Amino acid sequence: MIGLALIALLLNATRKIPLYCLRPVVDKFHTSRRSVTPIEENQTVIPSETSHVKKTRIAYIKVHKTASTTIAALIQRYGLNHRLTFALPLPKSLYHIGFYQTFDPVNVRPLPKGKVYEALCQHVVYNRTAFRKYMPKDMRIIASVREPFDRSVSAFNYFKAYSKSVISKANISGNAVTLIREFFKKPNYYEPSIYTRGSLVMNRMAFDLGIPRAQYFNATYVDEYIRQLDEDMAFVLIAEYIDQSLVLLKRIMGWSTEDILYTIRHKGKTKPQFPNDLRIAHKKLAPAEYQIYDYFLTKFNISYSKEVEIEQEVRVFKDTLHRVHTFCSSKKQVLMVPPTKFDKGFNFTRTDCYFINLEETAFVAFLSKLQRP
């Protein structure tokens, strides 16, 4: 059992996480004790064309506004439950390792002695050379993408400096459609000064995935780069199909249903209807984004269509997710999720509820103290 002094230290480091949450989680982290629903002897899990031995080490390229905070939180829980050693940002960075640069050990907290990086889910620009240099060979790399126009609109609305810049420089006001239309006329002019090293609205998927800014309009280069990127990635999730993507990820990685449970983070408000001319204008401004999205959406559809009974598993997963969310809103102490043909079943506790909803920076603080050298 972990000493009370360590519990108190962690408690202080994680913004007053309740003691009842910390004690079992720390114990589970160090002993790998899992509470799982008993399985009958003849219970089998349906085979998948993609399933192999469970793959544990995982690096998630957190592409801005592609359901990335939701997926990163999932990876944090997964890494905690499986005792992985995280690459964590320096204290001054809070939740990102590199908004504008690739992975480098100088930008992360020191590893515990004798450990290697086993999990990454903070913002960092992907670079094949850096990842091959610093990550273990069995590290699986994943990313997520989103329909480019919707991603740009989401970023414009989320990062308030953009609308403020348009309102100030153009001396106009109006709804999102009006402001975004004006922004598309002169995106470089309206780009807030704090983001000029890499726009968060225009071409950010290309930027985060490592395409040089000078090559955004070079279709041949982008096409070749995407194919190289595809070789590096174990899987690329599609934000519009988050549940389907997670079930397919589960099969590819040999994970369990418990591993892919999530709660939605940073859910935006209902967006207005945008006229088609704005979508056309955006495609001319950010062609690389569409090359990236179209390629990985096509690959996703092909992979998904080959899977045995995956639609049924997605329905079961959605039902399980709903049950978990309902349980976490109740005062019950444990939810027993029974076995299915797709999964062995598991118990979900109040501690699990706490961590599935824990805010990103608090989770980083918790992990930082937990694996302090």
Protein backbone atom coordinates (compact mmCIF):
# COMPACT_ATOMS: atom_id res chain seq x y z
CA MET A 1 0.00 0.00 0.00
CA ILE A 2 1.23 3.44 -0.90
CA GLY A 3 2.25 5.57 2.06
CA LEU A 4 0.05 8.44 3.22
CA ALA A 5 2.92 10.89 2.69
CA LEU A 6 2.97 10.07 -1.03
CA ILE A 7 -0.80 10.28 -1.20
CA ALA A 8 -0.66 13.73 0.40
CA LEU A 9 2.04 14.83 -2.05
CA LEU A 10 -0.03 13.71 -5.01
CA LEU A 11 -3.11 15.32 -3.52
CA ASN A 12 -1.34 18.66 -3.30
CA ALA A 13 0.00 18.32 -6.85
CA THR A 14 -3.29 17.52 -8.50
CA ARG A 15 -5.54 20.36 -7.44
CA LYS A 16 -7.06 18.58 -4.47
CA ILE A 17 -8.08 15.31 -6.08
CA PRO A 18 -10.19 13.47 -3.48
CA LEU A 19 -8.33 10.95 -1.34
CA TYR A 20 -10.82 8.22 -2.19
CA CYS A 21 -9.82 8.63 -5.84
CA LEU A 22 -6.07 8.70 -5.33
CA ARG A 23 -5.56 5.69 -3.11
CA PRO A 24 -7.00 3.00 -5.44
CA VAL A 25 -5.59 4.60 -8.57
CA VAL A 26 -2.05 4.85 -7.24
CA ASP A 27 -2.33 1.27 -6.00
CA LYS A 28 -3.64 0.16 -9.39
CA PHE A 29 -0.89 2.08 -11.18
CA HIS A 30 1.89 0.37 -9.23
CA THR A 31 0.46 -3.15 -8.94
CA SER A 32 -1.47 -3.36 -12.23
CA ARG A 33 -4.40 -4.76 -10.27
CA ARG A 34 -7.48 -4.64 -12.48
CA SER A 35 -11.05 -5.23 -11.33
CA VAL A 36 -12.67 -7.20 -14.11
CA THR A 37 -16.00 -8.96 -14.34
CA PRO A 38 -15.59 -12.78 -14.24
CA ILE A 39 -15.66 -14.49 -17.63
CA GLU A 40 -17.23 -17.86 -18.27
CA GLU A 41 -14.95 -20.60 -19.54
CA ASN A 42 -16.67 -20.78 -22.93
CA GLN A 43 -16.84 -17.02 -23.47
CA THR A 44 -15.04 -16.03 -26.66
CA VAL A 45 -14.39 -12.66 -28.23
CA ILE A 46 -15.17 -12.29 -31.91
CA PRO A 47 -12.06 -12.39 -34.10
CA SER A 48 -11.09 -9.38 -36.16
CA GLU A 49 -9.14 -9.11 -39.37
CA THR A 50 -7.01 -6.48 -37.61
CA SER A 51 -6.63 -7.92 -34.11
CA HIS A 52 -3.21 -9.12 -32.98
CA VAL A 53 -1.29 -9.22 -29.72
CA LYS A 54 -2.16 -6.20 -27.60
CA LYS A 55 -0.07 -3.16 -28.49
CA THR A 56 0.54 -0.92 -25.51
CA ARG A 57 2.96 1.92 -26.25
CA ILE A 58 1.13 4.74 -27.97
CA ALA A 59 1.93 8.22 -29.32
CA TYR A 60 -1.01 10.39 -30.29
CA ILE A 61 -0.31 13.34 -32.58
CA LYS A 62 -2.72 15.87 -31.13
CA VAL A 63 -3.91 17.76 -34.20
CA HIS A 64 -5.74 20.92 -33.18
CA LYS A 65 -9.56 20.84 -33.24
CA THR A 66 -9.94 17.25 -34.46
CA ALA A 67 -11.54 15.84 -31.29
CA SER A 68 -7.98 15.92 -30.03
CA THR A 69 -8.59 16.84 -26.39
CA THR A 70 -11.20 14.09 -26.13
CA ILE A 71 -8.80 11.52 -27.60
CA ALA A 72 -5.84 12.78 -25.55
CA ALA A 73 -7.87 12.33 -22.34
CA LEU A 74 -8.61 8.77 -23.42
CA ILE A 75 -4.88 8.13 -23.93
CA GLN A 76 -4.12 9.59 -20.50
CA ARG A 77 -6.52 7.16 -18.83
CA TYR A 78 -5.23 4.28 -20.92
CA GLY A 79 -1.63 5.05 -20.01
CA LEU A 80 -2.44 5.39 -16.33
CA ASN A 81 -4.33 2.10 -16.23
CA HIS A 82 -1.53 0.27 -18.04
CA ARG A 83 1.36 1.85 -16.10
CA LEU A 84 2.91 3.58 -19.10
CA THR A 85 5.64 6.20 -18.77
CA PHE A 86 4.47 9.47 -20.35
CA ALA A 87 6.36 12.13 -22.22
CA LEU A 88 5.12 15.13 -20.24
CA PRO A 89 5.45 18.88 -20.85
CA LEU A 90 7.63 21.11 -18.73
CA PRO A 91 5.81 22.91 -15.91
CA LYS A 92 5.75 26.22 -17.79
CA SER A 93 4.04 24.62 -20.80
CA LEU A 94 1.00 23.24 -18.94
CA TYR A 95 -0.48 20.98 -21.65
CA HIS A 96 1.74 21.12 -24.75
CA ILE A 97 5.25 20.00 -25.59
CA GLY A 98 5.48 21.98 -28.80
CA PHE A 99 2.88 24.16 -30.51
CA TYR A 100 5.43 24.94 -33.20
CA GLN A 101 8.20 22.34 -32.88
CA THR A 102 8.61 18.60 -32.94
CA PHE A 103 9.45 16.27 -30.09
CA ASP A 104 12.73 16.89 -28.28
CA PRO A 105 13.69 15.63 -24.79
CA VAL A 106 14.75 19.15 -23.79
CA ASN A 107 11.08 20.17 -23.96
CA VAL A 108 9.76 17.42 -21.68
CA ARG A 109 10.16 16.44 -18.05
CA PRO A 110 13.03 14.04 -17.30
CA LEU A 111 12.27 10.34 -17.54
CA PRO A 112 12.37 8.17 -14.42
CA LYS A 113 15.59 6.16 -14.23
CA GLY A 114 15.65 3.14 -16.54
CA LYS A 115 12.43 4.14 -18.33
CA VAL A 116 11.63 4.94 -21.96
CA TYR A 117 8.81 6.98 -23.47
CA GLU A 118 5.71 4.80 -23.68
CA ALA A 119 2.90 7.32 -24.12
CA LEU A 120 2.53 10.75 -25.69
CA CYS A 121 -0.67 12.77 -26.07
CA GLN A 122 0.34 16.44 -25.74
CA HIS A 123 0.57 18.92 -28.60
CA VAL A 124 3.72 18.41 -30.67
CA VAL A 125 4.48 18.72 -34.39
CA TYR A 126 5.11 15.34 -35.99
CA ASN A 127 8.54 14.67 -37.48
CA ARG A 128 9.58 11.19 -38.61
CA THR A 129 13.28 11.68 -37.85
CA ALA A 130 12.67 12.90 -34.30
CA PHE A 131 10.16 10.19 -33.48
CA ARG A 132 12.44 7.45 -34.76
CA LYS A 133 15.31 8.89 -32.77
CA TYR A 134 13.60 9.28 -29.41
CA MET A 135 10.70 6.79 -29.37
CA PRO A 136 11.00 3.01 -28.88
CA LYS A 137 10.62 0.91 -32.01
CA ASP A 138 7.36 -0.65 -30.83
CA MET A 139 5.71 2.73 -30.25
CA ARG A 140 2.46 2.92 -32.26
CA ILE A 141 1.71 6.37 -33.64
CA ILE A 142 -1.85 7.55 -34.25
CA ALA A 143 -3.47 10.86 -35.17
CA SER A 144 -6.90 12.31 -35.93
CA VAL A 145 -8.25 14.46 -38.76
CA ARG A 146 -11.45 16.37 -39.41
CA GLU A 147 -13.34 17.78 -42.38
CA PRO A 148 -11.12 20.83 -43.17
CA PHE A 149 -13.73 23.57 -43.42
CA ASP A 150 -15.44 22.53 -40.20
CA ARG A 151 -12.07 22.26 -38.46
CA SER A 152 -11.11 25.79 -39.51
CA VAL A 153 -14.47 27.22 -38.41
CA SER A 154 -14.16 25.44 -35.07
CA ALA A 155 -10.66 26.86 -34.55
CA PHE A 156 -11.78 30.37 -35.56
CA ASN A 157 -14.59 30.27 -33.00
CA TYR A 158 -12.54 28.62 -30.25
CA PHE A 159 -9.46 30.84 -30.41
CA LYS A 160 -11.05 34.22 -29.78
CA ALA A 161 -8.03 36.19 -30.99
CA TYR A 162 -9.19 35.56 -34.57
CA SER A 163 -12.61 37.16 -34.35
CA LYS A 164 -11.12 40.04 -32.32
CA SER A 165 -8.50 40.61 -35.02
CA VAL A 166 -11.10 40.76 -37.80
CA ILE A 167 -13.40 43.04 -35.81
CA SER A 168 -10.51 45.36 -34.97
CA LYS A 169 -8.71 45.51 -38.31
CA ALA A 170 -11.76 45.48 -40.58
CA ASN A 171 -13.81 47.65 -38.24
CA ILE A 172 -16.84 45.38 -38.68
CA SER A 173 -19.10 43.28 -36.51
CA GLY A 174 -21.47 40.47 -37.23
CA ASN A 175 -22.06 36.77 -36.84
CA ALA A 176 -19.57 33.97 -37.49
CA VAL A 177 -20.43 33.80 -41.18
CA THR A 178 -19.66 37.50 -41.68
CA LEU A 179 -16.40 37.38 -39.73
CA ILE A 180 -15.12 34.20 -41.37
CA ARG A 181 -15.99 35.50 -44.83
CA GLU A 182 -13.89 38.58 -44.13
CA PHE A 183 -11.06 36.48 -42.68
CA PHE A 184 -10.90 34.31 -45.82
CA LYS A 185 -10.37 37.42 -47.93
CA LYS A 186 -6.99 38.17 -46.29
CA PRO A 187 -6.07 35.40 -43.84
CA ASN A 188 -2.45 36.45 -43.49
CA TYR A 189 -3.44 40.03 -42.73
CA TYR A 190 -5.96 39.00 -40.08
CA GLU A 191 -3.78 36.30 -38.51
CA PRO A 192 -3.23 37.27 -34.85
CA SER A 193 0.41 38.09 -34.16
CA ILE A 194 0.63 35.42 -31.44
CA TYR A 195 -0.05 32.69 -34.03
CA THR A 196 2.03 33.83 -37.00
CA ARG A 197 4.53 30.97 -36.50
CA GLY A 198 1.76 28.55 -37.37
CA SER A 199 -1.88 29.49 -37.91
CA LEU A 200 -4.44 27.63 -35.83
CA VAL A 201 -7.16 28.26 -38.42
CA MET A 202 -5.48 27.82 -41.79
CA ASN A 203 -3.61 24.62 -42.72
CA ARG A 204 -3.19 23.47 -39.12
CA MET A 205 -3.67 19.77 -39.85
CA ALA A 206 -0.85 19.99 -42.37
CA PHE A 207 1.29 21.90 -39.88
CA ASP A 208 0.73 19.52 -36.95
CA LEU A 209 1.39 16.49 -39.15
CA GLY A 210 4.71 17.95 -40.22
CA ILE A 211 4.22 19.29 -43.75
CA PRO A 212 6.51 22.31 -44.31
CA ARG A 213 4.59 25.55 -44.74
CA ALA A 214 6.37 26.25 -48.04
CA GLN A 215 4.85 23.05 -49.49
CA TYR A 216 1.16 23.58 -48.66
CA PHE A 217 0.29 24.34 -52.29
CA ASN A 218 2.62 21.75 -53.82
CA ALA A 219 0.12 18.96 -54.49
CA THR A 220 2.77 16.48 -55.60
CA TYR A 221 4.88 16.99 -52.49
CA VAL A 222 1.85 16.79 -50.21
CA ASP A 223 0.67 13.58 -51.85
CA GLU A 224 4.07 11.95 -51.40
CA TYR A 225 4.29 13.17 -47.81
CA ILE A 226 0.86 11.76 -46.96
CA ARG A 227 1.87 8.34 -48.25
CA GLN A 228 4.99 8.46 -46.08
CA LEU A 229 2.86 9.58 -43.15
CA ASP A 230 0.54 6.65 -43.76
CA GLU A 231 3.49 4.28 -43.42
CA ASP A 232 4.31 5.82 -40.03
CA MET A 233 0.81 5.80 -38.61
CA ALA A 234 -0.78 2.76 -37.02
CA PHE A 235 -4.15 4.44 -37.48
CA VAL A 236 -5.73 7.84 -38.19
CA LEU A 237 -9.06 8.52 -36.52
CA ILE A 238 -11.82 10.49 -38.26
CA ALA A 239 -13.39 13.04 -35.93
CA GLU A 240 -16.82 12.84 -37.58
CA TYR A 241 -16.84 9.09 -36.92
CA ILE A 242 -15.33 9.07 -33.45
CA ASP A 243 -17.13 5.96 -32.16
CA GLN A 244 -16.45 3.96 -35.31
CA SER A 245 -12.83 5.13 -35.25
CA LEU A 246 -12.34 4.10 -31.64
CA VAL A 247 -13.82 0.64 -32.16
CA LEU A 248 -11.54 0.16 -35.17
CA LEU A 249 -8.59 1.44 -33.12
CA LYS A 250 -9.52 -1.07 -30.39
CA ARG A 251 -9.33 -3.91 -32.90
CA ILE A 252 -6.10 -2.72 -34.49
CA MET A 253 -4.38 -2.28 -31.13
CA GLY A 254 -5.88 -5.32 -29.43
CA TRP A 255 -7.39 -3.10 -26.73
CA SER A 256 -10.51 -3.57 -24.62
CA THR A 257 -13.76 -1.62 -24.58
CA GLU A 258 -12.74 -0.06 -21.27
CA ASP A 259 -9.61 1.30 -22.96
CA ILE A 260 -11.62 3.39 -25.45
CA LEU A 261 -14.25 4.91 -23.16
CA TYR A 262 -14.36 8.72 -23.30
CA THR A 263 -16.24 11.89 -22.49
CA ILE A 264 -16.49 14.69 -25.03
CA ARG A 265 -14.24 17.68 -24.34
CA HIS A 266 -14.54 21.21 -25.75
CA LYS A 267 -17.86 20.51 -27.43
CA GLY A 268 -18.72 23.52 -29.57
CA LYS A 269 -22.06 25.20 -29.95
CA THR A 270 -24.31 24.44 -32.89
CA LYS A 271 -22.67 26.14 -35.85
CA PRO A 272 -24.58 28.27 -38.36
CA GLN A 273 -25.14 27.24 -41.95
CA PHE A 274 -22.30 28.43 -44.15
CA PRO A 275 -22.90 29.17 -47.84
CA ASN A 276 -21.14 26.95 -50.34
CA ASP A 277 -18.99 29.78 -51.72
CA LEU A 278 -17.14 29.96 -48.39
CA ARG A 279 -16.36 26.25 -48.57
CA ILE A 280 -15.03 26.68 -52.09
CA ALA A 281 -12.92 29.65 -51.00
CA HIS A 282 -11.51 27.66 -48.10
CA LYS A 283 -10.50 24.77 -50.34
CA LYS A 284 -8.47 27.16 -52.48
CA LEU A 285 -6.78 28.57 -49.37
CA ALA A 286 -5.98 25.20 -47.80
CA PRO A 287 -5.66 22.49 -50.48
CA ALA A 288 -3.26 20.34 -48.42
CA GLU A 289 -5.91 19.99 -45.71
CA TYR A 290 -8.28 18.37 -48.19
CA GLN A 291 -5.60 16.06 -49.53
CA ILE A 292 -4.90 14.86 -45.99
CA TYR A 293 -8.53 14.43 -45.04
CA ASP A 294 -9.65 12.76 -48.26
CA TYR A 295 -6.78 10.27 -48.15
CA PHE A 296 -7.34 9.13 -44.57
CA LEU A 297 -11.14 9.18 -44.84
CA THR A 298 -10.93 6.88 -47.86
CA LYS A 299 -8.53 4.57 -46.04
CA PHE A 300 -10.78 4.54 -42.98
CA ASN A 301 -13.83 3.61 -45.05
CA ILE A 302 -11.98 0.76 -46.75
CA SER A 303 -10.63 -0.62 -43.46
CA TYR A 304 -13.97 -0.27 -41.71
CA SER A 305 -15.85 -2.08 -44.48
CA LYS A 306 -13.59 -5.14 -44.12
CA GLU A 307 -14.26 -5.68 -40.41
CA VAL A 308 -16.50 -8.51 -39.22
CA GLU A 309 -19.66 -7.33 -37.38
CA ILE A 310 -18.16 -3.94 -36.64
CA GLU A 311 -21.48 -2.11 -36.94
CA GLN A 312 -22.85 -4.34 -34.20
CA GLU A 313 -19.81 -3.68 -32.03
CA VAL A 314 -20.20 0.08 -32.52
CA ARG A 315 -23.82 -0.17 -31.33
CA VAL A 316 -22.71 -2.16 -28.28
CA PHE A 317 -19.96 0.38 -27.60
CA LYS A 318 -22.37 3.32 -27.79
CA ASP A 319 -24.70 1.54 -25.38
CA THR A 320 -21.81 0.86 -22.99
CA LEU A 321 -20.68 4.48 -23.24
CA HIS A 322 -24.19 5.65 -22.37
CA ARG A 323 -24.31 3.30 -19.38
CA VAL A 324 -20.96 4.58 -18.14
CA HIS A 325 -22.01 8.22 -18.47
CA THR A 326 -25.29 7.51 -16.66
CA PHE A 327 -23.44 5.67 -13.89
CA CYS A 328 -20.98 8.53 -13.44
CA SER A 329 -23.92 10.90 -12.98
CA SER A 330 -25.35 8.69 -10.24
CA LYS A 331 -24.21 7.94 -6.69
CA LYS A 332 -23.66 4.22 -7.27
CA GLN A 333 -20.22 2.84 -6.39
CA VAL A 334 -19.60 0.36 -9.19
CA LEU A 335 -20.95 -0.47 -12.64
CA MET A 336 -20.54 -4.06 -13.77
CA VAL A 337 -20.33 -4.23 -17.57
CA PRO A 338 -20.92 -7.84 -18.61
CA PRO A 339 -19.00 -9.73 -21.30
CA THR A 340 -20.09 -9.55 -24.94
CA LYS A 341 -18.85 -11.29 -28.04
CA PHE A 342 -16.61 -8.25 -28.53
CA ASP A 343 -15.15 -7.78 -25.05
CA LYS A 344 -14.45 -9.60 -21.79
CA GLY A 345 -16.37 -7.17 -19.60
CA PHE A 346 -15.13 -4.93 -16.78
CA ASN A 347 -16.05 -3.05 -13.62
CA PHE A 348 -16.22 0.76 -13.70
CA THR A 349 -15.86 2.55 -10.35
CA ARG A 350 -16.24 6.05 -8.91
CA THR A 351 -12.47 6.41 -9.28
CA ASP A 352 -12.75 5.65 -12.98
CA CYS A 353 -15.52 8.26 -13.25
CA TYR A 354 -13.25 10.84 -11.68
CA PHE A 355 -10.44 10.22 -14.11
CA ILE A 356 -12.59 9.94 -17.22
CA ASN A 357 -13.74 13.49 -16.47
CA LEU A 358 -10.48 14.94 -15.14
CA GLU A 359 -9.41 18.16 -16.86
CA GLU A 360 -6.27 17.87 -18.99
CA THR A 361 -3.87 20.08 -17.05
CA ALA A 362 -4.88 18.46 -13.75
CA PHE A 363 -4.24 15.05 -15.28
CA VAL A 364 -0.80 16.19 -16.48
CA ALA A 365 0.00 17.43 -12.96
CA PHE A 366 -1.10 14.11 -11.49
CA LEU A 367 1.00 12.07 -13.94
CA SER A 368 3.99 14.35 -13.42
CA LYS A 369 4.05 13.67 -9.68
CA LEU A 370 3.27 10.00 -10.14
CA GLN A 371 6.31 9.35 -12.34
CA ARG A 372 8.66 11.94 -10.88
CA PRO A 373 12.29 10.67 -11.19
